[in-house]
C-alpha atoms as a PDB file:
ATOM      1  CA  MET A   1     200.577 118.004  77.716  1.00  0.00           C
ATOM      2  CA  LEU A   2     198.916 115.672  80.174  1.00  0.00           C
ATOM      3  CA  HIS A   3     195.267 114.963  79.510  1.00  0.00           C
ATOM      4  CA  THR A   4     192.965 113.723  82.232  1.00  0.00           C
ATOM      5  CA  LYS A   5     189.620 112.119  81.772  1.00  0.00           C
ATOM      6  CA  ARG A   6     186.714 114.270  82.688  1.00  0.00           C
ATOM      7  CA  ARG A   7     183.614 112.806  84.199  1.00  0.00           C
ATOM      8  CA  PRO A   8     180.380 113.690  82.434  1.00  0.00           C
ATOM      9  CA  ARG A   9     178.559 116.594  83.998  1.00  0.00           C
ATOM     10  CA  TRP A  10     175.276 114.732  84.023  1.00  0.00           C
ATOM     11  CA  SER A  11     174.373 111.473  85.638  1.00  0.00           C
ATOM     12  CA  VAL A  12     171.246 109.697  86.737  1.00  0.00           C
ATOM     13  CA  ARG A  13     171.427 108.481  90.273  1.00  0.00           C
ATOM     14  CA  PHE A  14     168.813 106.574  92.194  1.00  0.00           C
ATOM     15  CA  SER A  15     168.810 105.976  95.917  1.00  0.00           C
ATOM     16  CA  ARG A  16     168.037 102.539  97.311  1.00  0.00           C
ATOM     17  CA  GLN A  17     164.564 103.743  98.179  1.00  0.00           C
ATOM     18  CA  GLU A  18     163.923 105.023  94.641  1.00  0.00           C
ATOM     19  CA  LEU A  19     165.193 101.779  93.116  1.00  0.00           C
ATOM     20  CA  ALA A  20     162.831  99.906  95.437  1.00  0.00           C
ATOM     21  CA  LEU A  21     159.910 102.005  94.194  1.00  0.00           C
ATOM     22  CA  VAL A  22     160.928 101.352  90.582  1.00  0.00           C
ATOM     23  CA  ALA A  23     160.959  97.621  91.360  1.00  0.00           C
ATOM     24  CA  VAL A  24     157.509  97.550  92.974  1.00  0.00           C
ATOM     25  CA  THR A  25     156.122  99.695  90.143  1.00  0.00           C
ATOM     26  CA  ALA A  26     157.398  97.097  87.682  1.00  0.00           C
ATOM     27  CA  VAL A  27     155.739  94.364  89.765  1.00  0.00           C
ATOM     28  CA  TRP A  28     152.550  96.402  89.782  1.00  0.00           C
ATOM     29  CA  GLY A  29     152.652  96.692  85.991  1.00  0.00           C
ATOM     30  CA  THR A  30     153.178  92.939  85.666  1.00  0.00           C
ATOM     31  CA  THR A  31     150.015  92.173  87.628  1.00  0.00           C
ATOM     32  CA  PHE A  32     147.820  93.223  84.684  1.00  0.00           C
ATOM     33  CA  LEU A  33     149.120  90.357  82.568  1.00  0.00           C
ATOM     34  CA  VAL A  34     148.919  87.893  85.465  1.00  0.00           C
ATOM     35  CA  VAL A  35     145.267  88.786  86.064  1.00  0.00           C
ATOM     36  CA  HIS A  36     144.491  88.737  82.335  1.00  0.00           C
ATOM     37  CA  LEU A  37     145.827  85.175  82.078  1.00  0.00           C
ATOM     38  CA  ALA A  38     144.285  84.001  85.350  1.00  0.00           C
ATOM     39  CA  VAL A  39     140.715  85.060  84.539  1.00  0.00           C
ATOM     40  CA  GLN A  40     140.804  82.938  81.399  1.00  0.00           C
ATOM     41  CA  HIS A  41     140.680  79.916  83.751  1.00  0.00           C
ATOM     42  CA  GLY A  42     138.311  81.083  86.485  1.00  0.00           C
ATOM     43  CA  GLY A  43     135.729  83.653  87.497  1.00  0.00           C
ATOM     44  CA  PRO A  44     136.908  87.258  88.012  1.00  0.00           C
ATOM     45  CA  LEU A  45     134.920  87.962  91.201  1.00  0.00           C
ATOM     46  CA  LEU A  46     136.166  84.897  93.051  1.00  0.00           C
ATOM     47  CA  PHE A  47     139.680  85.697  91.877  1.00  0.00           C
ATOM     48  CA  VAL A  48     139.449  89.258  93.219  1.00  0.00           C
ATOM     49  CA  GLY A  49     137.942  87.965  96.466  1.00  0.00           C
ATOM     50  CA  LEU A  50     140.685  85.417  97.128  1.00  0.00           C
ATOM     51  CA  ARG A  51     143.333  87.931  96.124  1.00  0.00           C
ATOM     52  CA  PHE A  52     142.273  90.544  98.665  1.00  0.00           C
ATOM     53  CA  LEU A  53     141.319  88.094 101.403  1.00  0.00           C
ATOM     54  CA  ALA A  54     144.863  86.722 101.125  1.00  0.00           C
ATOM     55  CA  ALA A  55     146.272  90.258 101.236  1.00  0.00           C
ATOM     56  CA  GLY A  56     144.075  91.073 104.242  1.00  0.00           C
ATOM     57  CA  ALA A  57     145.135  87.936 106.106  1.00  0.00           C
ATOM     58  CA  ILE A  58     148.820  88.663 105.549  1.00  0.00           C
ATOM     59  CA  SER A  59     148.302  92.295 106.572  1.00  0.00           C
ATOM     60  CA  ALA A  60     146.500  91.148 109.732  1.00  0.00           C
ATOM     61  CA  VAL A  61     149.598  89.158 110.685  1.00  0.00           C
ATOM     62  CA  ILE A  62     151.880  92.119 109.947  1.00  0.00           C
ATOM     63  CA  PHE A  63     149.745  94.609 111.922  1.00  0.00           C
ATOM     64  CA  ARG A  64     148.574  92.168 114.617  1.00  0.00           C
ATOM     65  CA  ARG A  65     150.003  94.251 117.453  1.00  0.00           C
ATOM     66  CA  THR A  66     147.892  97.282 116.629  1.00  0.00           C
ATOM     67  CA  LEU A  67     144.631  95.559 115.624  1.00  0.00           C
ATOM     68  CA  LYS A  68     143.374  95.445 119.232  1.00  0.00           C
ATOM     69  CA  GLY A  69     142.991  99.217 119.177  1.00  0.00           C
ATOM     70  CA  LEU A  70     140.588  99.214 116.198  1.00  0.00           C
ATOM     71  CA  THR A  71     138.052 102.037 116.598  1.00  0.00           C
ATOM     72  CA  ARG A  72     134.581 102.471 115.095  1.00  0.00           C
ATOM     73  CA  ARG A  73     135.887 105.281 112.924  1.00  0.00           C
ATOM     74  CA  GLU A  74     138.669 103.081 111.577  1.00  0.00           C
ATOM     75  CA  LEU A  75     136.213 100.241 111.001  1.00  0.00           C
ATOM     76  CA  GLY A  76     133.905 102.580 109.099  1.00  0.00           C
ATOM     77  CA  ALA A  77     136.774 104.121 107.130  1.00  0.00           C
ATOM     78  CA  GLY A  78     138.162 100.726 106.199  1.00  0.00           C
ATOM     79  CA  ALA A  79     134.719  99.445 105.191  1.00  0.00           C
ATOM     80  CA  ALA A  80     134.042 102.480 102.981  1.00  0.00           C
ATOM     81  CA  ILE A  81     137.431 102.195 101.286  1.00  0.00           C
ATOM     82  CA  GLY A  82     136.899  98.434 100.935  1.00  0.00           C
ATOM     83  CA  VAL A  83     133.694  99.069  98.972  1.00  0.00           C
ATOM     84  CA  THR A  84     135.615 101.202  96.464  1.00  0.00           C
ATOM     85  CA  ILE A  85     138.355  98.566  96.238  1.00  0.00           C
ATOM     86  CA  PHE A  86     135.703  95.973  95.437  1.00  0.00           C
ATOM     87  CA  GLY A  87     134.096  98.190  92.801  1.00  0.00           C
ATOM     88  CA  GLY A  88     137.382  99.194  91.203  1.00  0.00           C
ATOM     89  CA  TYR A  89     139.063  95.807  91.066  1.00  0.00           C
ATOM     90  CA  ALA A  90     135.967  93.747  90.282  1.00  0.00           C
ATOM     91  CA  LEU A  91     135.180  95.880  87.234  1.00  0.00           C
ATOM     92  CA  GLN A  92     138.820  96.053  86.161  1.00  0.00           C
ATOM     93  CA  THR A  93     139.229  92.274  86.439  1.00  0.00           C
ATOM     94  CA  VAL A  94     136.013  91.563  84.520  1.00  0.00           C
ATOM     95  CA  GLY A  95     137.311  93.920  81.837  1.00  0.00           C
ATOM     96  CA  LEU A  96     140.601  92.035  81.663  1.00  0.00           C
ATOM     97  CA  GLN A  97     138.731  88.982  80.442  1.00  0.00           C
ATOM     98  CA  THR A  98     138.233  90.637  77.064  1.00  0.00           C
ATOM     99  CA  ILE A  99     140.877  93.371  76.616  1.00  0.00           C
ATOM    100  CA  PRO A 100     144.696  93.159  76.446  1.00  0.00           C
ATOM    101  CA  SER A 101     146.611  93.705  79.678  1.00  0.00           C
ATOM    102  CA  SER A 102     148.506  96.679  78.210  1.00  0.00           C
ATOM    103  CA  THR A 103     145.254  98.456  77.276  1.00  0.00           C
ATOM    104  CA  SER A 104     143.905  97.869  80.778  1.00  0.00           C
ATOM    105  CA  ALA A 105     147.087  99.259  82.329  1.00  0.00           C
ATOM    106  CA  PHE A 106     146.926 102.533  80.406  1.00  0.00           C
ATOM    107  CA  LEU A 107     143.177 102.963  80.930  1.00  0.00           C
ATOM    108  CA  THR A 108     143.535 102.342  84.663  1.00  0.00           C
ATOM    109  CA  ALA A 109     146.097 105.153  84.909  1.00  0.00           C
ATOM    110  CA  LEU A 110     143.270 107.580  84.172  1.00  0.00           C
ATOM    111  CA  TYR A 111     142.286 107.460  87.852  1.00  0.00           C
ATOM    112  CA  VAL A 112     145.060 109.972  88.658  1.00  0.00           C
ATOM    113  CA  PRO A 113     143.659 112.951  86.684  1.00  0.00           C
ATOM    114  CA  LEU A 114     140.147 111.920  87.774  1.00  0.00           C
ATOM    115  CA  VAL A 115     140.923 112.463  91.468  1.00  0.00           C
ATOM    116  CA  PRO A 116     140.902 116.311  91.370  1.00  0.00           C
ATOM    117  CA  LEU A 117     137.657 116.253  89.375  1.00  0.00           C
ATOM    118  CA  LEU A 118     136.035 113.998  91.950  1.00  0.00           C
ATOM    119  CA  GLN A 119     137.298 116.210  94.774  1.00  0.00           C
ATOM    120  CA  TRP A 120     135.766 119.168  92.974  1.00  0.00           C
ATOM    121  CA  ALA A 121     132.416 117.396  92.695  1.00  0.00           C
ATOM    122  CA  VAL A 122     132.352 116.226  96.324  1.00  0.00           C
ATOM    123  CA  PHE A 123     134.252 118.883  98.276  1.00  0.00           C
ATOM    124  CA  ARG A 124     133.921 121.859  95.893  1.00  0.00           C
ATOM    125  CA  ARG A 125     137.708 122.158  95.657  1.00  0.00           C
ATOM    126  CA  ALA A 126     138.468 123.667  92.259  1.00  0.00           C
ATOM    127  CA  PRO A 127     141.229 121.769  90.429  1.00  0.00           C
ATOM    128  CA  ARG A 128     144.547 123.529  89.770  1.00  0.00           C
ATOM    129  CA  PRO A 129     145.411 124.537  86.191  1.00  0.00           C
ATOM    130  CA  ALA A 130     147.891 121.656  86.038  1.00  0.00           C
ATOM    131  CA  ALA A 131     145.099 119.235  86.935  1.00  0.00           C
ATOM    132  CA  TRP A 132     142.936 120.556  84.091  1.00  0.00           C
ATOM    133  CA  ALA A 133     145.867 120.203  81.680  1.00  0.00           C
ATOM    134  CA  GLY A 134     146.408 116.638  82.888  1.00  0.00           C
ATOM    135  CA  VAL A 135     142.732 115.806  82.343  1.00  0.00           C
ATOM    136  CA  ALA A 136     142.858 117.251  78.807  1.00  0.00           C
ATOM    137  CA  LEU A 137     145.959 115.227  77.919  1.00  0.00           C
ATOM    138  CA  ALA A 138     144.537 112.059  79.444  1.00  0.00           C
ATOM    139  CA  PHE A 139     141.204 112.459  77.636  1.00  0.00           C
ATOM    140  CA  THR A 140     142.995 113.028  74.326  1.00  0.00           C
ATOM    141  CA  GLY A 141     145.043 109.924  75.006  1.00  0.00           C
ATOM    142  CA  LEU A 142     141.873 107.957  75.751  1.00  0.00           C
ATOM    143  CA  VAL A 143     140.368 108.979  72.416  1.00  0.00           C
ATOM    144  CA  LEU A 144     143.493 107.852  70.559  1.00  0.00           C
ATOM    145  CA  LEU A 145     143.744 104.650  72.589  1.00  0.00           C
ATOM    146  CA  ALA A 146     140.169 103.851  71.548  1.00  0.00           C
ATOM    147  CA  ASP A 147     141.479 104.063  67.937  1.00  0.00           C
ATOM    148  CA  PRO A 148     138.694 106.130  66.359  1.00  0.00           C
ATOM    149  CA  GLY A 149     138.274 105.114  62.751  1.00  0.00           C
ATOM    150  CA  SER A 150     135.583 105.450  60.154  1.00  0.00           C
ATOM    151  CA  ALA A 151     133.064 104.107  62.681  1.00  0.00           C
ATOM    152  CA  GLY A 152     133.904 106.908  65.104  1.00  0.00           C
ATOM    153  CA  LEU A 153     134.880 106.579  68.750  1.00  0.00           C
ATOM    154  CA  THR A 154     133.945 103.102  69.903  1.00  0.00           C
ATOM    155  CA  LEU A 155     134.792 101.338  73.132  1.00  0.00           C
ATOM    156  CA  SER A 156     134.417  97.649  73.820  1.00  0.00           C
ATOM    157  CA  ALA A 157     132.504  96.395  76.864  1.00  0.00           C
ATOM    158  CA  GLY A 158     135.792  95.536  78.591  1.00  0.00           C
ATOM    159  CA  GLU A 159     137.166  99.029  78.000  1.00  0.00           C
ATOM    160  CA  VAL A 160     133.968 100.633  79.325  1.00  0.00           C
ATOM    161  CA  LEU A 161     134.110  98.508  82.494  1.00  0.00           C
ATOM    162  CA  THR A 162     137.760  99.453  82.987  1.00  0.00           C
ATOM    163  CA  LEU A 163     136.931 103.146  82.603  1.00  0.00           C
ATOM    164  CA  VAL A 164     134.137 102.870  85.173  1.00  0.00           C
ATOM    165  CA  SER A 165     136.583 101.106  87.504  1.00  0.00           C
ATOM    166  CA  THR A 166     138.835 104.180  87.445  1.00  0.00           C
ATOM    167  CA  VAL A 167     136.011 106.225  88.990  1.00  0.00           C
ATOM    168  CA  ALA A 168     135.834 103.762  91.901  1.00  0.00           C
ATOM    169  CA  ILE A 169     139.627 103.864  92.245  1.00  0.00           C
ATOM    170  CA  ALA A 170     139.577 107.672  92.260  1.00  0.00           C
ATOM    171  CA  ALA A 171     136.847 107.526  94.929  1.00  0.00           C
ATOM    172  CA  GLU A 172     139.161 105.298  96.969  1.00  0.00           C
ATOM    173  CA  ILE A 173     141.849 107.986  96.847  1.00  0.00           C
ATOM    174  CA  VAL A 174     139.379 110.708  97.858  1.00  0.00           C
ATOM    175  CA  LEU A 175     138.128 108.667 100.817  1.00  0.00           C
ATOM    176  CA  ILE A 176     141.655 107.942 101.981  1.00  0.00           C
ATOM    177  CA  GLY A 177     142.473 111.639 101.800  1.00  0.00           C
ATOM    178  CA  LEU A 178     139.364 112.329 103.893  1.00  0.00           C
ATOM    179  CA  PHE A 179     140.517 110.000 106.670  1.00  0.00           C
ATOM    180  CA  ALA A 180     144.266 110.673 106.378  1.00  0.00           C
ATOM    181  CA  GLY A 181     145.930 111.613 109.649  1.00  0.00           C
ATOM    182  CA  THR A 182     142.926 110.603 111.782  1.00  0.00           C
ATOM    183  CA  VAL A 183     143.178 106.810 111.570  1.00  0.00           C
ATOM    184  CA  ASP A 184     145.831 104.147 112.045  1.00  0.00           C
ATOM    185  CA  LEU A 185     147.239 103.064 108.684  1.00  0.00           C
ATOM    186  CA  GLY A 186     147.776  99.419 109.622  1.00  0.00           C
ATOM    187  CA  ARG A 187     144.319  98.811 111.071  1.00  0.00           C
ATOM    188  CA  VAL A 188     142.497 100.535 108.190  1.00  0.00           C
ATOM    189  CA  THR A 189     144.603  98.625 105.639  1.00  0.00           C
ATOM    190  CA  VAL A 190     143.558  95.282 107.142  1.00  0.00           C
ATOM    191  CA  VAL A 191     139.861  96.237 107.218  1.00  0.00           C
ATOM    192  CA  GLN A 192     139.758  97.637 103.679  1.00  0.00           C
ATOM    193  CA  LEU A 193     141.436  94.580 102.167  1.00  0.00           C
ATOM    194  CA  LEU A 194     139.204  92.112 104.018  1.00  0.00           C
ATOM    195  CA  VAL A 195     136.044  94.055 103.159  1.00  0.00           C
ATOM    196  CA  GLY A 196     137.007  94.318  99.486  1.00  0.00           C
ATOM    197  CA  GLY A 197     137.753  90.593  99.341  1.00  0.00           C
ATOM    198  CA  ALA A 198     134.627  89.552 101.260  1.00  0.00           C
ATOM    199  CA  LEU A 199     132.331  91.631  99.027  1.00  0.00           C
ATOM    200  CA  SER A 200     133.829  90.040  95.917  1.00  0.00           C
ATOM    201  CA  VAL A 201     133.310  86.504  97.258  1.00  0.00           C
ATOM    202  CA  ALA A 202     129.768  87.362  98.395  1.00  0.00           C
ATOM    203  CA  MET A 203     128.862  88.512  94.874  1.00  0.00           C
ATOM    204  CA  VAL A 204     129.921  85.210  93.262  1.00  0.00           C
ATOM    205  CA  PRO A 205     126.583  83.390  93.852  1.00  0.00           C
ATOM    206  CA  VAL A 206     124.595  86.579  93.197  1.00  0.00           C
ATOM    207  CA  VAL A 207     125.872  86.884  89.619  1.00  0.00           C
ATOM    208  CA  GLY A 208     125.966  83.127  89.127  1.00  0.00           C
ATOM    209  CA  GLU A 209     129.689  82.965  88.559  1.00  0.00           C
ATOM    210  CA  ALA A 210     130.951  79.409  88.147  1.00  0.00           C
ATOM    211  CA  VAL A 211     133.552  78.201  90.629  1.00  0.00           C
ATOM    212  CA  PRO A 212     136.504  76.531  88.865  1.00  0.00           C
ATOM    213  CA  SER A 213     136.674  72.834  89.673  1.00  0.00           C
ATOM    214  CA  SER A 214     140.452  72.681  89.841  1.00  0.00           C
ATOM    215  CA  SER A 215     143.090  75.141  88.768  1.00  0.00           C
ATOM    216  CA  TRP A 216     146.098  75.426  91.042  1.00  0.00           C
ATOM    217  CA  LEU A 217     147.650  78.056  88.749  1.00  0.00           C
ATOM    218  CA  TRP A 218     144.558  80.263  89.121  1.00  0.00           C
ATOM    219  CA  LEU A 219     144.580  79.838  92.899  1.00  0.00           C
ATOM    220  CA  ALA A 220     148.337  80.424  93.125  1.00  0.00           C
ATOM    221  CA  ALA A 221     147.979  83.622  91.077  1.00  0.00           C
ATOM    222  CA  ALA A 222     145.273  84.955  93.424  1.00  0.00           C
ATOM    223  CA  ILE A 223     147.263  84.232  96.580  1.00  0.00           C
ATOM    224  CA  GLY A 224     150.507  85.398  94.987  1.00  0.00           C
ATOM    225  CA  LEU A 225     148.980  88.737  94.004  1.00  0.00           C
ATOM    226  CA  GLY A 226     147.667  89.111  97.539  1.00  0.00           C
ATOM    227  CA  ALA A 227     151.170  88.636  98.898  1.00  0.00           C
ATOM    228  CA  ALA A 228     152.513  91.056  96.265  1.00  0.00           C
ATOM    229  CA  SER A 229     150.043  93.696  97.449  1.00  0.00           C
ATOM    230  CA  CYS A 230     151.431  93.469 100.975  1.00  0.00           C
ATOM    231  CA  LEU A 231     155.029  93.551  99.709  1.00  0.00           C
ATOM    232  CA  ILE A 232     154.268  96.675  97.674  1.00  0.00           C
ATOM    233  CA  GLN A 233     152.621  98.311 100.699  1.00  0.00           C
ATOM    234  CA  ILE A 234     155.554  97.687 103.029  1.00  0.00           C
ATOM    235  CA  THR A 235     158.113  98.779 100.427  1.00  0.00           C
ATOM    236  CA  MET A 236     156.223 102.005  99.758  1.00  0.00           C
ATOM    237  CA  ASN A 237     155.905 102.801 103.451  1.00  0.00           C
ATOM    238  CA  TRP A 238     159.652 102.356 103.899  1.00  0.00           C
ATOM    239  CA  ALA A 239     160.774 104.115 100.717  1.00  0.00           C
ATOM    240  CA  GLN A 240     158.459 107.133 100.871  1.00  0.00           C
ATOM    241  CA  GLN A 241     159.926 108.220 104.171  1.00  0.00           C
ATOM    242  CA  SER A 242     162.838 109.647 102.168  1.00  0.00           C
ATOM    243  CA  VAL A 243     161.442 109.991  98.619  1.00  0.00           C
ATOM    244  CA  SER A 244     159.479 113.172  97.900  1.00  0.00           C
ATOM    245  CA  PRO A 245     155.830 112.874  96.768  1.00  0.00           C
ATOM    246  CA  THR A 246     156.678 114.440  93.399  1.00  0.00           C
ATOM    247  CA  ARG A 247     159.553 112.051  92.760  1.00  0.00           C
ATOM    248  CA  ALA A 248     157.420 109.090  93.853  1.00  0.00           C
ATOM    249  CA  THR A 249     154.597 110.164  91.531  1.00  0.00           C
ATOM    250  CA  VAL A 250     156.984 110.259  88.563  1.00  0.00           C
ATOM    251  CA  ILE A 251     158.122 106.722  89.384  1.00  0.00           C
ATOM    252  CA  TYR A 252     154.551 105.460  89.799  1.00  0.00           C
ATOM    253  CA  ALA A 253     153.587 106.948  86.432  1.00  0.00           C
ATOM    254  CA  GLY A 254     155.757 104.209  84.933  1.00  0.00           C
ATOM    255  CA  GLU A 255     153.232 101.555  86.034  1.00  0.00           C
ATOM    256  CA  PRO A 256     151.221 101.527  82.788  1.00  0.00           C
ATOM    257  CA  VAL A 257     154.486 101.686  80.829  1.00  0.00           C
ATOM    258  CA  TRP A 258     155.672  98.534  82.590  1.00  0.00           C
ATOM    259  CA  GLY A 259     152.256  97.008  81.932  1.00  0.00           C
ATOM    260  CA  GLY A 260     152.583  97.869  78.246  1.00  0.00           C
ATOM    261  CA  ILE A 261     156.115  96.446  78.033  1.00  0.00           C
ATOM    262  CA  ILE A 262     155.135  93.189  79.733  1.00  0.00           C
ATOM    263  CA  GLY A 263     152.015  92.977  77.600  1.00  0.00           C
ATOM    264  CA  ARG A 264     154.024  93.470  74.405  1.00  0.00           C
ATOM    265  CA  LEU A 265     156.460  90.731  75.432  1.00  0.00           C
ATOM    266  CA  ALA A 266     153.413  88.497  75.902  1.00  0.00           C
ATOM    267  CA  GLY A 267     152.129  89.291  72.414  1.00  0.00           C
ATOM    268  CA  ASP A 268     150.001  92.447  72.810  1.00  0.00           C
ATOM    269  CA  ARG A 269     150.362  94.741  69.813  1.00  0.00           C
ATOM    270  CA  LEU A 270     148.846  98.208  70.206  1.00  0.00           C
ATOM    271  CA  PRO A 271     148.284 100.156  66.950  1.00  0.00           C
ATOM    272  CA  GLY A 272     150.538 103.168  66.399  1.00  0.00           C
ATOM    273  CA  LEU A 273     147.770 105.648  67.196  1.00  0.00           C
ATOM    274  CA  ALA A 274     146.975 103.786  70.410  1.00  0.00           C
ATOM    275  CA  VAL A 275     150.643 103.971  71.457  1.00  0.00           C
ATOM    276  CA  VAL A 276     150.509 107.766  71.066  1.00  0.00           C
ATOM    277  CA  GLY A 277     147.332 107.795  73.129  1.00  0.00           C
ATOM    278  CA  ALA A 278     148.988 105.700  75.848  1.00  0.00           C
ATOM    279  CA  ALA A 279     151.897 108.162  75.957  1.00  0.00           C
ATOM    280  CA  LEU A 280     149.465 111.075  76.340  1.00  0.00           C
ATOM    281  CA  ILE A 281     147.733 109.317  79.248  1.00  0.00           C
ATOM    282  CA  VAL A 282     151.084 108.932  81.036  1.00  0.00           C
ATOM    283  CA  ALA A 283     151.849 112.593  80.277  1.00  0.00           C
ATOM    284  CA  GLY A 284     148.468 113.542  81.727  1.00  0.00           C
ATOM    285  CA  VAL A 285     149.274 111.630  84.914  1.00  0.00           C
ATOM    286  CA  LEU A 286     152.575 113.489  85.296  1.00  0.00           C
ATOM    287  CA  VAL A 287     151.211 116.932  84.417  1.00  0.00           C
ATOM    288  CA  SER A 288     148.249 116.586  86.796  1.00  0.00           C
ATOM    289  CA  GLU A 289     150.694 116.170  89.693  1.00  0.00           C
ATOM    290  CA  LEU A 290     152.783 119.263  88.941  1.00  0.00           C
ATOM    291  CA  GLU A 291     152.993 121.822  91.747  1.00  0.00           C
ATOM    292  CA  PRO A 292     153.732 125.538  91.237  1.00  0.00           C
ATOM    293  CA  ARG A 293     157.220 126.533  92.415  1.00  0.00           C
ATOM    294  CA  SER A 294     155.824 129.380  94.488  1.00  0.00           C
ATOM    295  CA  ARG A 295     154.017 126.926  96.735  1.00  0.00           C
ATOM    296  CA  GLN A 296     156.434 125.531  99.268  1.00  0.00           C
ATOM    297  CA  PRO A 297     154.363 124.530 102.312  1.00  0.00           C
ATOM    298  CA  GLN A 298     154.889 121.303 104.204  1.00  0.00           C
ATOM    299  CA  PRO A 299     153.066 118.613 102.237  1.00  0.00           C
ATOM    300  CA  ALA A 300     149.978 117.203 103.904  1.00  0.00           C
ATOM    301  CA  PRO A 301     149.674 113.428 104.082  1.00  0.00           C
ATOM    302  CA  ARG A 302     148.814 112.364 100.555  1.00  0.00           C
ATOM    303  CA  PRO A 303     147.753 108.829  99.707  1.00  0.00           C
ATOM    304  CA  ALA A 304     149.574 106.934  97.020  1.00  0.00           C
ATOM    305  CA  ARG A 305     147.621 103.972  95.778  1.00  0.00           C
ATOM    306  CA  VAL A 306     149.261 100.791  94.680  1.00  0.00           C
ATOM    307  CA  ASP A 307     147.407  97.611  93.890  1.00  0.00           C
ATOM    308  CA  GLY A 308     144.511  98.260  96.208  1.00  0.00           C
ATOM    309  CA  VAL A 309     146.721  99.057  99.185  1.00  0.00           C
ATOM    310  CA  THR A 310     147.328 102.588 100.343  1.00  0.00           C
ATOM    311  CA  ALA A 311     150.357 104.317 101.809  1.00  0.00           C
ATOM    312  CA  PHE A 312     150.652 107.892 102.990  1.00  0.00           C
ATOM    313  CA  THR A 313     153.500 109.997 101.642  1.00  0.00           C
ATOM    314  CA  ASP A 314     154.075 111.860 104.906  1.00  0.00           C
ATOM    315  CA  SER A 315     156.492 109.896 107.088  1.00  0.00           C
ATOM    316  CA  SER A 316     154.571 110.791 110.228  1.00  0.00           C
ATOM    317  CA  ASP A 317     151.757 108.524 109.019  1.00  0.00           C
ATOM    318  CA  GLN A 318     153.886 105.472 108.344  1.00  0.00           C
ATOM    319  CA  ALA A 319     152.382 103.599 111.253  1.00  0.00           C
ATOM    320  CA  GLY A 320     152.703  99.917 111.848  1.00  0.00           C
ATOM    321  CA  VAL A 321     155.744  99.263 109.641  1.00  0.00           C
ATOM    322  CA  SER A 322     159.226  98.820 111.035  1.00  0.00           C
END
């Protein structure tokens, strides 16, 4: 009797676009360690400023053909989003001076379940049951990540700053959703990056932050992360034309996991209870994005935030990228 090999009934296949999103998500996760190391050699505000000014300058070159049509609405939208970028990244980067990169990565992921709560507070849009479940999981994960012991739930100053930064990041998402479909993506991207960077640099003398005398590694990290932000933006715009929002969200939820992996390779060691908490935060991110099967309308343009740069998941809004 002749036997033939049977192929397994299950397989995991990724398209080129999905593999590209996995790659940029891994890059995104790596940035936490890069920033953590960089701010040991220079001030966090100047670092954030140079990072986003570099990203804005590169974006201005990429979107130079459309910048002439900049409207007042787009200028205002970009400025408002730039303020939230400044608040989110300045606080997160200051926090990274004193907490491990892996902890920062998992705490930052809390912005996802915070978005529906912020929309509820501002626009009176009640969160879906899945969003509430995601918030509950994420909050439980936060408690475990804080490693409550005999002293009770305690958070360090760096962890508190990182948590506050997630509110600013969630506000960024809400603002982008408010302007989605009514502005040009390329022009607003340039404005928001330049505003975020300029505000960070302007705050350096206000807080008395010392300017590093010489550190080419620090400067290279800032400019390199700026270039990475633009690379992530362009890759997302290209890939999300064929990758569904749900699938993309699942891939992006791996960002803190990549951050944790890179951090562990660099020497970070989270306690066992904190690892469980980190897993619950990722689960909360995924659950909060679940959609009921009965709802099958055409998805509205939804912003997906990566590294301070925003892309819209609806292909009709992928302006300015070829």
